[in-house]
Protein backbone atom coordinates (compact mmCIF):
# COMPACT_ATOMS: atom_id res chain seq x y z
CA UNK A 1 -2.48 -70.72 40.34
CA UNK A 2 -0.95 -68.09 42.48
CA UNK A 3 1.67 -67.72 39.81
CA UNK A 4 -0.95 -66.87 37.20
CA UNK A 5 -2.41 -64.16 39.41
CA UNK A 6 1.03 -62.74 39.99
CA UNK A 7 1.69 -62.71 36.28
CA UNK A 8 -1.56 -60.88 35.68
CA UNK A 9 -0.68 -58.30 38.28
CA UNK A 10 2.70 -57.75 36.65
CA UNK A 11 1.11 -57.32 33.24
CA UNK A 12 -1.35 -54.78 34.61
CA UNK A 13 1.47 -52.80 36.20
CA UNK A 14 3.46 -52.88 32.96
CA UNK A 15 0.42 -51.70 30.96
CA UNK A 16 -0.24 -48.86 33.39
CA UNK A 17 3.40 -47.73 33.37
CA UNK A 18 3.51 -47.25 29.57
CA UNK A 19 0.89 -44.46 29.38
CA UNK A 20 2.56 -42.60 32.28
CA UNK A 21 5.83 -42.50 30.32
CA UNK A 22 4.05 -41.05 27.28
CA UNK A 23 2.19 -38.35 29.22
CA UNK A 24 5.04 -35.77 29.49
CA UNK A 25 5.57 -35.91 25.72
CA UNK A 26 1.83 -35.51 25.16
CA UNK A 27 1.72 -32.50 27.50
CA UNK A 28 4.50 -30.78 25.53
CA UNK A 29 2.73 -31.49 22.25
CA UNK A 30 -0.56 -30.06 23.51
CA UNK A 31 1.23 -26.98 24.91
CA UNK A 32 3.07 -26.39 21.61
CA UNK A 33 -0.14 -26.74 19.59
CA UNK A 34 -1.99 -24.38 21.93
CA UNK A 35 0.72 -21.75 21.67
CA UNK A 36 0.90 -21.95 17.87
CA UNK A 37 -2.91 -21.74 17.64
CA UNK A 38 -2.91 -18.66 19.87
CA UNK A 39 -0.15 -17.00 17.83
CA UNK A 40 -1.93 -17.77 14.56
CA UNK A 41 -5.17 -16.30 15.86
CA UNK A 42 -3.32 -13.17 17.02
CA UNK A 43 -1.61 -12.68 13.64
CA UNK A 44 -4.81 -13.24 11.66
CA UNK A 45 -6.76 -10.85 13.88
CA UNK A 46 -4.10 -8.18 13.47
CA UNK A 47 -4.05 -8.61 9.69
CA UNK A 48 -7.84 -8.48 9.52
CA UNK A 49 -8.12 -5.23 11.45
CA UNK A 50 -5.19 -3.73 9.54
CA UNK A 51 -7.12 -4.36 6.33
CA UNK A 52 -4.67 -6.81 4.76
CA UNK A 53 -7.12 -9.71 4.59
CA UNK A 54 -9.97 -7.89 2.83
CA UNK A 55 -8.27 -6.34 -0.18
CA UNK A 56 -6.62 -3.43 1.61
CA UNK A 57 -9.83 -1.72 2.71
CA UNK A 58 -10.83 -1.50 6.31
CA UNK A 59 -13.96 -3.30 7.47
CA UNK A 60 -15.85 -0.08 8.12
CA UNK A 61 -15.03 1.52 4.75
CA UNK A 62 -15.90 -1.64 2.83
CA UNK A 63 -19.36 -1.62 4.38
CA UNK A 64 -19.76 2.10 3.72
CA UNK A 65 -18.78 1.85 0.04
CA UNK A 66 -21.38 -0.73 -0.89
CA UNK A 67 -24.53 0.91 0.46
CA UNK A 68 -25.90 4.43 0.31
CA UNK A 69 -28.27 6.20 2.70
CA UNK A 70 -31.30 4.43 1.19
CA UNK A 71 -29.76 1.03 1.85
CA UNK A 72 -29.40 0.32 -1.89
CA UNK A 73 -26.29 -1.33 -3.25
CA UNK A 74 -24.10 1.16 -5.15
CA UNK A 75 -21.12 -1.10 -5.83
CA UNK A 76 -22.23 -1.88 -9.39
CA UNK A 77 -23.79 1.47 -10.24
CA UNK A 78 -20.80 3.70 -9.44
CA UNK A 79 -17.14 3.13 -10.39
CA UNK A 80 -14.57 3.20 -7.61
CA UNK A 81 -13.38 6.74 -8.24
CA UNK A 82 -13.76 8.08 -4.66
CA UNK A 83 -12.92 11.61 -5.85
CA UNK A 84 -15.93 12.97 -3.96
CA UNK A 85 -15.00 11.30 -0.66
CA UNK A 86 -13.21 13.23 2.03
CA UNK A 87 -9.59 12.12 2.48
CA UNK A 88 -9.04 9.64 5.26
CA UNK A 89 -5.81 8.42 6.72
CA UNK A 90 -2.33 9.83 6.41
CA UNK A 91 -0.91 11.28 3.23
CA UNK A 92 1.36 8.85 1.36
CA UNK A 93 4.13 9.85 -1.01
CA UNK A 94 5.81 8.36 -4.06
CA UNK A 95 9.05 9.58 -5.59
CA UNK A 96 9.30 9.77 -9.36
CA UNK A 97 12.79 8.30 -9.60
CA UNK A 98 15.24 8.90 -11.22
CA UNK A 99 15.26 12.73 -11.20
CA UNK A 100 14.20 14.51 -14.37
CA UNK A 101 16.99 16.09 -16.43
CA UNK A 102 16.09 18.26 -19.44
CA UNK A 103 17.97 20.63 -21.71
CA UNK A 104 16.71 24.14 -22.39
CA UNK A 105 16.51 25.47 -25.93
CA UNK A 106 17.58 28.99 -26.69
CA UNK A 107 20.43 31.35 -26.08
CA UNK A 108 20.18 31.41 -22.32
CA UNK A 109 23.13 30.97 -19.97
CA UNK A 110 21.08 28.31 -18.22
CA UNK A 111 21.43 25.08 -20.19
CA UNK A 112 19.62 22.40 -18.19
CA UNK A 113 17.12 21.70 -15.43
CA UNK A 114 17.28 18.79 -13.01
CA UNK A 115 14.31 18.25 -10.68
CA UNK A 116 13.20 15.53 -8.30
CA UNK A 117 9.43 15.25 -7.91
CA UNK A 118 7.26 13.47 -5.36
CA UNK A 119 3.51 12.97 -5.56
CA UNK A 120 1.07 12.55 -2.68
CA UNK A 121 -2.29 10.84 -2.19
CA UNK A 122 -4.36 9.55 0.71
CA UNK A 123 -5.16 6.22 -0.93
CA UNK A 124 -2.58 3.57 -1.78
CA UNK A 125 -4.64 2.68 -4.87
CA UNK A 126 -3.70 6.03 -6.46
CA UNK A 127 0.01 5.55 -5.77
CA UNK A 128 -0.16 2.03 -7.22
CA UNK A 129 -1.73 3.50 -10.37
CA UNK A 130 1.14 6.02 -10.56
CA UNK A 131 3.65 3.15 -10.41
CA UNK A 132 1.80 1.23 -13.10
CA UNK A 133 1.64 4.25 -15.43
CA UNK A 134 5.18 5.53 -14.75
CA UNK A 135 6.37 5.50 -18.41
CA UNK A 136 3.41 7.61 -19.60
CA UNK A 137 3.73 9.96 -16.61
CA UNK A 138 7.48 10.45 -17.11
CA UNK A 139 6.93 11.12 -20.83
CA UNK A 140 4.34 13.79 -20.14
CA UNK A 141 6.51 15.42 -17.49
CA UNK A 142 9.64 15.40 -19.65
CA UNK A 143 7.72 17.16 -22.43
CA UNK A 144 6.34 19.68 -19.94
CA UNK A 145 9.69 20.39 -18.27
CA UNK A 146 11.62 20.76 -21.52
CA UNK A 147 9.13 23.34 -22.80
CA UNK A 148 9.75 25.72 -19.87
CA UNK A 149 11.63 29.01 -20.09
CA UNK A 150 14.52 29.36 -17.60
CA UNK A 151 13.59 32.98 -16.85
CA UNK A 152 10.10 31.94 -15.73
CA UNK A 153 11.47 29.25 -13.42
CA UNK A 154 13.85 31.60 -11.63
CA UNK A 155 10.98 33.02 -9.52
CA UNK A 156 8.90 31.34 -6.87
CA UNK A 157 5.70 32.10 -8.79
CA UNK A 158 7.15 30.36 -11.83
CA UNK A 159 8.05 27.28 -9.79
CA UNK A 160 4.59 27.21 -8.18
CA UNK A 161 2.97 27.47 -11.62
CA UNK A 162 5.14 24.59 -12.85
CA UNK A 163 4.11 22.45 -9.85
CA UNK A 164 0.46 23.05 -10.76
CA UNK A 165 1.17 22.01 -14.35
CA UNK A 166 3.04 18.90 -13.14
CA UNK A 167 0.05 17.90 -11.00
CA UNK A 168 -2.39 18.52 -13.87
CA UNK A 169 -0.24 16.48 -16.27
CA UNK A 170 -0.06 13.48 -13.92
CA UNK A 171 -3.80 13.68 -13.15
CA UNK A 172 -4.63 13.72 -16.88
CA UNK A 173 -2.45 10.67 -17.55
CA UNK A 174 -3.97 8.74 -14.63
CA UNK A 175 -7.54 9.65 -15.61
CA UNK A 176 -6.95 8.73 -19.26
CA UNK A 177 -5.08 5.47 -18.62
CA UNK A 178 -6.83 4.12 -15.50
CA UNK A 179 -9.86 6.27 -14.70
CA UNK A 180 -8.49 6.79 -11.19
CA UNK A 181 -8.29 10.21 -9.58
CA UNK A 182 -7.36 11.33 -6.11
CA UNK A 183 -3.84 12.67 -6.49
CA UNK A 184 -3.40 15.32 -3.78
CA UNK A 185 -0.21 17.18 -4.59
CA UNK A 186 3.14 17.43 -6.34
CA UNK A 187 6.36 18.57 -4.68
CA UNK A 188 9.84 19.45 -5.84
CA UNK A 189 12.38 17.75 -3.58
CA UNK A 190 15.31 18.97 -5.66
CA UNK A 191 15.45 21.82 -8.19
CA UNK A 192 18.70 22.68 -10.01
CA UNK A 193 19.11 24.97 -13.01
CA UNK A 194 22.57 25.46 -14.51
């Protein structure tokens, strides 16, 4: 009978030794899961506060857009034009690539105009609309640029007037095609007449 007791003691020691061997592996698994959970939480928190998880709008502006001073919900009553809102955030730019190249009509020594134009807005939504409507915008600008007189464009006042017309043309196309407004400015980044 002493042999049976000894066998039982050996079995108990063997059973207790098996979980001890598995514990270091379990500790590494728990540590790896904890680290990946912490990293995931950090990334999701950063994306949330950056506005990437709620449609590109920050948490504060999303709450401000849906209710007015009376506490009534405006989201359905008013389209998302935001033209009356004060600009917030940095100005963003979009280049209208490739540069515009137009021929001048007439008997002038100046035969063509090549210009590079960039547009600016505070909201990414406006720049996305510009990208989406690029063919219509480029068409309107090509017609505008080709109708210019070289003598008028040789002065700063003529160039400033043309910039105003460029901005008006793009705004009209955006308003007609998408209903979005909010374009801030137009800029020549290259201007060559030859």
